[in-house]
Amino acid sequence: MIIVQITPKRNDEETTSGTTSPLGRAGKSAMEDLEPADINRRVNQGSVMNYAELYPCIDEGCLLHTNCAPSAWASDWHQAKADHWRHP
């Protein structure tokens, strides 16, 4: 995987030319080819996670069942109630 660093540019031409090299190294030909697992983000000083890890995809209808949510959501999932809001 690569870490894509996005920096502000002054015009679209500079922005486009600045992203073609990292895309090529990642084996992608267009921004649309990038997937969440291709983009990394530093979450603290010693840890980097990709967007698929940070924002997991869930199957359609998953939120209607108690056993298919991502494990990172388990604590919040078990505290969630449809009839009231509880802040920890």
N, C-alpha and C. Protein backbone atom coordinates (compact mmCIF):
# COMPACT_ATOMS: atom_id res chain seq x y z
N MET A 1 0.83 -1.18 0.00
CA MET A 1 0.00 0.00 0.00
C MET A 1 0.87 1.24 0.00
N ILE A 2 0.29 2.35 -0.44
CA ILE A 2 1.00 3.61 -0.43
C ILE A 2 0.24 4.60 0.43
N ILE A 3 0.93 5.61 0.87
CA ILE A 3 0.28 6.70 1.58
C ILE A 3 0.18 7.85 0.60
N VAL A 4 -1.03 8.29 0.29
CA VAL A 4 -1.25 9.39 -0.63
C VAL A 4 -1.35 10.67 0.19
N GLN A 5 -0.44 11.58 -0.05
CA GLN A 5 -0.47 12.85 0.66
C GLN A 5 -1.05 13.89 -0.27
N ILE A 6 -2.15 14.49 0.13
CA ILE A 6 -2.80 15.49 -0.68
C ILE A 6 -2.40 16.86 -0.16
N THR A 7 -1.81 17.65 -1.03
CA THR A 7 -1.38 18.99 -0.65
C THR A 7 -2.11 20.00 -1.51
N PRO A 8 -2.44 21.17 -0.95
CA PRO A 8 -3.13 22.19 -1.73
C PRO A 8 -2.28 22.67 -2.90
N LYS A 9 -2.89 22.84 -4.04
CA LYS A 9 -2.20 23.37 -5.23
C LYS A 9 -2.92 24.62 -5.70
N ARG A 10 -2.26 25.34 -6.57
CA ARG A 10 -2.83 26.61 -7.02
C ARG A 10 -3.82 26.47 -8.16
N ASN A 11 -3.67 25.45 -8.99
CA ASN A 11 -4.62 25.28 -10.08
C ASN A 11 -4.81 23.80 -10.38
N ASP A 12 -5.84 23.49 -11.19
CA ASP A 12 -6.17 22.10 -11.48
C ASP A 12 -5.05 21.37 -12.20
N GLU A 13 -4.33 22.04 -13.08
CA GLU A 13 -3.25 21.38 -13.81
C GLU A 13 -2.17 20.89 -12.86
N GLU A 14 -1.79 21.71 -11.90
CA GLU A 14 -0.78 21.30 -10.92
C GLU A 14 -1.30 20.15 -10.06
N THR A 15 -2.57 20.21 -9.68
CA THR A 15 -3.16 19.16 -8.86
C THR A 15 -3.16 17.84 -9.60
N THR A 16 -3.59 17.85 -10.85
CA THR A 16 -3.64 16.63 -11.66
C THR A 16 -2.26 16.05 -11.86
N SER A 17 -1.29 16.88 -12.21
CA SER A 17 0.04 16.36 -12.45
C SER A 17 0.67 15.84 -11.17
N GLY A 18 0.30 16.39 -10.02
CA GLY A 18 0.85 15.94 -8.75
C GLY A 18 0.31 14.60 -8.30
N THR A 19 -0.85 14.18 -8.82
CA THR A 19 -1.43 12.91 -8.38
C THR A 19 -1.16 11.76 -9.33
N THR A 20 -0.69 12.02 -10.54
CA THR A 20 -0.51 10.93 -11.49
C THR A 20 0.62 10.00 -11.09
N SER A 21 1.66 10.50 -10.54
CA SER A 21 2.78 9.64 -10.16
C SER A 21 2.42 8.66 -9.04
N PRO A 22 1.82 9.10 -7.93
CA PRO A 22 1.42 8.13 -6.90
C PRO A 22 0.37 7.14 -7.41
N LEU A 23 -0.53 7.58 -8.27
CA LEU A 23 -1.53 6.67 -8.82
C LEU A 23 -0.86 5.58 -9.64
N GLY A 24 0.08 5.97 -10.47
CA GLY A 24 0.80 5.00 -11.29
C GLY A 24 1.55 4.00 -10.45
N ARG A 25 2.19 4.47 -9.40
CA ARG A 25 2.92 3.56 -8.51
C ARG A 25 1.98 2.60 -7.80
N ALA A 26 0.74 3.02 -7.59
CA ALA A 26 -0.25 2.15 -6.94
C ALA A 26 -0.94 1.23 -7.95
N GLY A 27 -0.57 1.35 -9.23
CA GLY A 27 -1.19 0.52 -10.26
C GLY A 27 -2.56 1.00 -10.67
N LYS A 28 -2.85 2.27 -10.42
CA LYS A 28 -4.15 2.85 -10.76
C LYS A 28 -3.95 3.87 -11.87
N SER A 29 -4.93 3.98 -12.74
CA SER A 29 -4.81 4.94 -13.83
C SER A 29 -5.67 6.18 -13.63
N ALA A 30 -6.61 6.12 -12.69
CA ALA A 30 -7.49 7.27 -12.43
C ALA A 30 -7.88 7.27 -10.97
N MET A 31 -8.24 8.46 -10.48
CA MET A 31 -8.67 8.59 -9.08
C MET A 31 -9.85 7.66 -8.78
N GLU A 32 -10.70 7.43 -9.77
CA GLU A 32 -11.87 6.59 -9.57
C GLU A 32 -11.49 5.13 -9.30
N ASP A 33 -10.26 4.74 -9.64
CA ASP A 33 -9.80 3.37 -9.42
C ASP A 33 -9.36 3.12 -7.98
N LEU A 34 -9.16 4.19 -7.22
CA LEU A 34 -8.74 4.03 -5.83
C LEU A 34 -9.86 3.42 -5.00
N GLU A 35 -9.50 2.54 -4.10
CA GLU A 35 -10.44 1.94 -3.17
C GLU A 35 -10.04 2.34 -1.76
N PRO A 36 -10.94 2.23 -0.78
CA PRO A 36 -10.61 2.63 0.59
C PRO A 36 -9.33 1.98 1.13
N ALA A 37 -9.05 0.75 0.76
CA ALA A 37 -7.85 0.07 1.24
C ALA A 37 -6.56 0.63 0.64
N ASP A 38 -6.68 1.43 -0.43
CA ASP A 38 -5.50 2.01 -1.08
C ASP A 38 -5.03 3.30 -0.43
N ILE A 39 -5.84 3.87 0.43
CA ILE A 39 -5.51 5.18 1.02
C ILE A 39 -5.28 5.02 2.52
N ASN A 40 -4.12 5.45 2.96
CA ASN A 40 -3.75 5.33 4.37
C ASN A 40 -3.85 6.67 5.08
N ARG A 41 -4.10 6.59 6.38
CA ARG A 41 -4.18 7.79 7.21
C ARG A 41 -3.47 7.53 8.53
N ARG A 42 -2.62 8.44 8.92
CA ARG A 42 -1.95 8.33 10.22
C ARG A 42 -2.98 8.71 11.29
N VAL A 43 -3.26 7.79 12.21
CA VAL A 43 -4.26 8.03 13.24
C VAL A 43 -3.64 8.51 14.55
N ASN A 44 -2.36 8.25 14.72
CA ASN A 44 -1.60 8.81 15.84
C ASN A 44 -0.12 8.68 15.49
N GLN A 45 0.74 9.05 16.39
CA GLN A 45 2.16 9.10 16.06
C GLN A 45 2.73 7.75 15.62
N GLY A 46 2.24 6.67 16.15
CA GLY A 46 2.82 5.37 15.83
C GLY A 46 1.92 4.45 15.05
N SER A 47 0.80 4.94 14.51
CA SER A 47 -0.15 4.04 13.87
C SER A 47 -0.72 4.63 12.58
N VAL A 48 -0.75 3.79 11.55
CA VAL A 48 -1.34 4.16 10.26
C VAL A 48 -2.40 3.12 9.94
N MET A 49 -3.57 3.58 9.53
CA MET A 49 -4.65 2.67 9.13
C MET A 49 -5.15 3.10 7.75
N ASN A 50 -5.65 2.13 6.99
CA ASN A 50 -6.23 2.52 5.70
C ASN A 50 -7.72 2.81 5.90
N TYR A 51 -8.31 3.44 4.90
CA TYR A 51 -9.70 3.87 5.04
C TYR A 51 -10.67 2.69 5.14
N ALA A 52 -10.31 1.54 4.62
CA ALA A 52 -11.18 0.36 4.78
C ALA A 52 -11.22 -0.08 6.24
N GLU A 53 -10.11 0.11 6.95
CA GLU A 53 -10.07 -0.22 8.38
C GLU A 53 -10.80 0.84 9.20
N LEU A 54 -10.62 2.10 8.83
CA LEU A 54 -11.24 3.19 9.58
C LEU A 54 -12.76 3.25 9.37
N TYR A 55 -13.18 2.99 8.17
CA TYR A 55 -14.61 3.09 7.81
C TYR A 55 -15.04 1.81 7.12
N PRO A 56 -15.26 0.74 7.88
CA PRO A 56 -15.59 -0.55 7.26
C PRO A 56 -16.94 -0.53 6.54
N CYS A 57 -16.97 -1.23 5.42
CA CYS A 57 -18.23 -1.38 4.69
C CYS A 57 -19.05 -2.46 5.37
N ILE A 58 -20.34 -2.27 5.37
CA ILE A 58 -21.22 -3.28 5.96
C ILE A 58 -22.21 -3.75 4.89
N ASP A 59 -22.68 -4.96 5.06
CA ASP A 59 -23.64 -5.51 4.11
C ASP A 59 -24.99 -4.81 4.23
N GLU A 60 -25.73 -4.78 3.13
CA GLU A 60 -27.07 -4.19 3.15
C GLU A 60 -27.93 -4.93 4.16
N GLY A 61 -28.63 -4.17 4.99
CA GLY A 61 -29.50 -4.73 6.01
C GLY A 61 -28.78 -5.11 7.31
N CYS A 62 -27.47 -4.94 7.35
CA CYS A 62 -26.69 -5.33 8.52
C CYS A 62 -27.15 -4.62 9.79
N LEU A 63 -27.53 -3.38 9.68
CA LEU A 63 -27.91 -2.62 10.87
C LEU A 63 -29.21 -3.12 11.49
N LEU A 64 -29.89 -4.01 10.81
CA LEU A 64 -31.13 -4.59 11.35
C LEU A 64 -30.86 -5.82 12.21
N HIS A 65 -29.63 -6.30 12.22
CA HIS A 65 -29.27 -7.51 12.96
C HIS A 65 -28.20 -7.19 13.99
N THR A 66 -28.11 -7.98 15.02
CA THR A 66 -27.15 -7.69 16.10
C THR A 66 -25.81 -8.39 15.93
N ASN A 67 -25.68 -9.30 15.00
CA ASN A 67 -24.46 -10.09 14.93
C ASN A 67 -23.59 -9.83 13.70
N CYS A 68 -23.85 -8.79 12.93
CA CYS A 68 -23.04 -8.60 11.74
C CYS A 68 -22.31 -7.26 11.70
N ALA A 69 -22.44 -6.44 12.71
CA ALA A 69 -21.73 -5.16 12.74
C ALA A 69 -20.24 -5.42 12.95
N PRO A 70 -19.37 -4.53 12.44
CA PRO A 70 -17.93 -4.70 12.64
C PRO A 70 -17.58 -4.78 14.13
N SER A 71 -16.56 -5.54 14.46
CA SER A 71 -16.20 -5.76 15.86
C SER A 71 -15.83 -4.46 16.58
N ALA A 72 -15.29 -3.49 15.85
CA ALA A 72 -14.92 -2.21 16.46
C ALA A 72 -16.16 -1.45 16.95
N TRP A 73 -17.32 -1.82 16.46
CA TRP A 73 -18.56 -1.15 16.85
C TRP A 73 -19.26 -1.86 18.00
N ALA A 74 -18.74 -2.99 18.48
CA ALA A 74 -19.44 -3.85 19.42
C ALA A 74 -19.93 -3.12 20.66
N SER A 75 -19.08 -2.35 21.30
CA SER A 75 -19.47 -1.65 22.53
C SER A 75 -20.62 -0.69 22.26
N ASP A 76 -20.49 0.15 21.23
CA ASP A 76 -21.56 1.09 20.90
C ASP A 76 -22.83 0.35 20.50
N TRP A 77 -22.65 -0.74 19.77
CA TRP A 77 -23.79 -1.50 19.26
C TRP A 77 -24.64 -2.04 20.40
N HIS A 78 -24.00 -2.58 21.44
CA HIS A 78 -24.74 -3.17 22.56
C HIS A 78 -25.39 -2.11 23.45
N GLN A 79 -24.87 -0.89 23.42
CA GLN A 79 -25.47 0.19 24.22
C GLN A 79 -26.60 0.91 23.48
N ALA A 80 -26.67 0.74 22.18
CA ALA A 80 -27.67 1.45 21.37
C ALA A 80 -29.08 0.96 21.69
N LYS A 81 -30.00 1.90 21.81
CA LYS A 81 -31.41 1.61 22.07
C LYS A 81 -32.26 2.43 21.11
N ALA A 82 -33.29 1.84 20.58
CA ALA A 82 -34.14 2.53 19.61
C ALA A 82 -35.03 3.58 20.27
N ASP A 83 -35.33 3.42 21.56
CA ASP A 83 -36.30 4.29 22.20
C ASP A 83 -35.70 5.47 22.98
N HIS A 84 -34.37 5.54 23.10
CA HIS A 84 -33.77 6.67 23.81
C HIS A 84 -32.29 6.83 23.45
N TRP A 85 -31.75 7.99 23.78
CA TRP A 85 -30.34 8.30 23.52
C TRP A 85 -29.60 8.28 24.84
N ARG A 86 -28.55 7.52 24.91
CA ARG A 86 -27.74 7.46 26.11
C ARG A 86 -26.30 7.82 25.78
N HIS A 87 -25.84 8.85 26.40
CA HIS A 87 -24.44 9.26 26.21
C HIS A 87 -23.62 8.63 27.31
N PRO A 88 -22.51 7.94 26.96
CA PRO A 88 -21.71 7.26 28.00
C PRO A 88 -21.14 8.19 29.04
